[in-house]
Every structure is written in structure tokens, then in C-alpha cells.
Protein backbone atom coordinates (compact mmCIF):
# COMPACT_ATOMS: atom_id res chain seq x y z
CA MET A 1 0.08 0.01 0.14
CA ARG A 2 2.67 2.18 0.75
CA PHE A 3 4.31 1.94 -2.54
CA ILE A 4 0.88 3.00 -4.27
CA TYR A 5 0.63 5.51 -1.81
CA GLU A 6 3.80 7.15 -2.35
CA ARG A 7 3.40 7.16 -6.19
CA VAL A 8 0.01 8.88 -6.35
CA GLY A 9 -0.08 11.07 -3.25
CA SER A 10 -3.38 11.57 -1.36
CA GLU A 11 -5.34 13.43 -3.80
CA VAL A 12 -5.81 10.69 -6.29
CA HIS A 13 -8.37 8.05 -5.40
CA VAL A 14 -7.33 4.29 -6.14
CA ILE A 15 -9.23 1.12 -6.44
CA LEU A 16 -7.06 -2.01 -5.85
CA ILE A 17 -8.66 -5.27 -7.08
CA LEU A 18 -7.32 -7.89 -5.10
CA ASP A 19 -7.92 -11.66 -4.67
CA GLN A 20 -8.79 -12.92 -1.57
CA THR A 21 -5.75 -14.37 -0.39
CA GLY A 22 -5.18 -14.23 3.39
CA TRP A 23 -2.45 -11.50 3.77
CA HIS A 24 -4.81 -9.17 1.43
CA MET A 25 -7.34 -9.40 4.02
CA ALA A 26 -4.92 -9.35 7.39
CA LYS A 27 -6.72 -7.08 9.75
CA VAL A 28 -3.39 -5.62 10.25
CA LEU A 29 -3.37 -4.18 6.55
CA LYS A 30 -2.84 -0.43 6.64
CA VAL A 31 -5.00 0.93 3.97
CA PRO A 32 -4.69 4.72 3.62
CA ASP A 33 -7.96 6.58 3.16
CA ASN A 34 -7.50 7.28 -0.45
CA ILE A 35 -7.15 3.61 -1.48
CA GLY A 36 -10.39 1.64 -1.90
CA LEU A 37 -9.97 -2.38 -1.99
CA LEU A 38 -12.24 -4.42 -4.17
CA TYR A 39 -11.85 -7.97 -3.64
CA LEU A 40 -12.54 -10.58 -6.31
CA LEU A 41 -14.90 -13.46 -5.71
CA ALA A 42 -13.53 -16.08 -4.04
CA TYR A 43 -12.25 -19.05 -6.36
CA SER A 44 -12.83 -17.11 -9.40
CA PRO A 45 -9.18 -17.18 -11.48
CA GLU A 46 -11.30 -16.40 -14.46
CA LEU A 47 -11.65 -12.93 -12.98
CA ASN A 48 -7.89 -12.44 -12.39
CA PRO A 49 -5.87 -12.59 -15.85
CA ILE A 50 -2.57 -13.23 -14.08
CA GLU A 51 -3.86 -16.71 -13.45
CA ARG A 52 -3.83 -17.60 -16.65
CA LEU A 53 -0.11 -16.93 -16.82
CA TRP A 54 0.98 -18.92 -13.81
CA ALA A 55 -1.12 -21.98 -15.38
CA TYR A 56 0.70 -21.36 -18.76
CA LEU A 57 4.14 -21.25 -16.86
CA LYS A 58 3.42 -24.32 -14.71
CA SER A 59 2.15 -26.24 -17.78
CA HIS A 60 5.11 -25.18 -20.26
CA TYR A 61 8.03 -24.90 -17.97
CA LEU A 62 7.51 -25.63 -14.45
CA SER A 63 5.68 -28.85 -14.19
CA ASN A 64 7.09 -32.66 -14.32
CA ARG A 65 10.39 -32.23 -12.84
CA ALA A 66 11.71 -32.08 -9.24
CA TYR A 67 13.84 -29.16 -7.98
CA THR A 68 16.84 -29.87 -5.87
CA ASP A 69 16.00 -26.82 -3.51
CA TYR A 70 14.59 -23.31 -3.14
CA ASP A 71 17.07 -21.75 -5.16
CA ASP A 72 16.87 -24.07 -7.82
CA LEU A 73 13.18 -23.51 -8.09
CA PHE A 74 13.38 -19.79 -7.85
CA GLU A 75 15.89 -19.76 -10.64
CA VAL A 76 13.64 -21.89 -13.22
CA CYS A 77 10.80 -19.79 -11.91
CA LEU A 78 12.42 -16.49 -13.01
CA ASN A 79 14.31 -17.94 -16.14
CA SER A 80 10.47 -19.07 -17.18
CA TRP A 81 9.24 -15.65 -16.60
CA ASN A 82 11.68 -13.90 -18.51
CA LYS A 83 10.97 -16.30 -21.37
CA ILE A 84 7.38 -14.82 -21.88
CA THR A 85 7.26 -12.49 -24.86
CA VAL A 86 4.80 -9.69 -25.00
CA GLU A 87 2.76 -11.33 -27.57
CA GLN A 88 2.44 -14.67 -25.33
CA PHE A 89 1.52 -12.44 -22.48
CA ARG A 90 -1.37 -10.74 -24.37
CA THR A 91 -2.48 -14.09 -25.92
CA VAL A 92 -2.30 -16.18 -22.29
CA CYS A 93 -3.87 -13.22 -20.29
CA HIS A 94 -6.30 -11.99 -23.06
CA VAL A 95 -9.62 -11.67 -21.33
CA GLU A 96 -12.55 -10.33 -23.63
CA TRP A 97 -14.31 -8.39 -20.76
CA ILE A 98 -11.36 -6.21 -19.95
CA LEU A 99 -11.34 -4.53 -23.53
CA HIS A 100 -14.80 -3.48 -23.21
CA GLU A 101 -15.35 -0.04 -22.02
CA THR A 102 -18.68 0.48 -20.12
């Protein structure tokens, strides 16, 4: 929250869309007055386009192998993320409803 607040200041109102991961809903979360939180429905990855990218990474780069340790897993994840092209990102994360204006 601090990162966003420091960039927009107190005069701009921000709506932050979050999934319902535990740390997004923690009671200790300090939310500035100008930042509103809008939570996605529980168990609705279709509303969160990044979930499609995680699924793509898992199926194309991360599954069906064993990792020796945390550092190995981290390196493979980082390398996999860096292999994604802009076009792949657009294709995988494309959600029709995002493109429609209201």
C-alpha cells in the first residue's frame, strides 16, 4: 500500500483489485483513506488474468520435474518468467471483458 500511496499521493483515489489471499485480507493491513479495496469473488481465477499466466508457466516450464532446493525452483521460475514474450503475455492473459468499455 505504501508503494502505491507514495506514487499517487493523497489527492488521487485508487481502487485496488485483489484476490482473497489471506495477506490481502489481514486485519493488520494498513490502507490509506484514498485507497479502496475491491475483492474478487473467492475461487474465481477467471476474473484474475494473471492466473492464466501462472497456469501457462506451470504447464510449459515448471511441471513434471523435481527441484533440488528453493534456489533451483526460484531460478527456474525466474528464467521461465523471462522467456514470456509480450505477444505470449497478451495471448495468454487476454480476457474479452477487460477490453470492453462501459
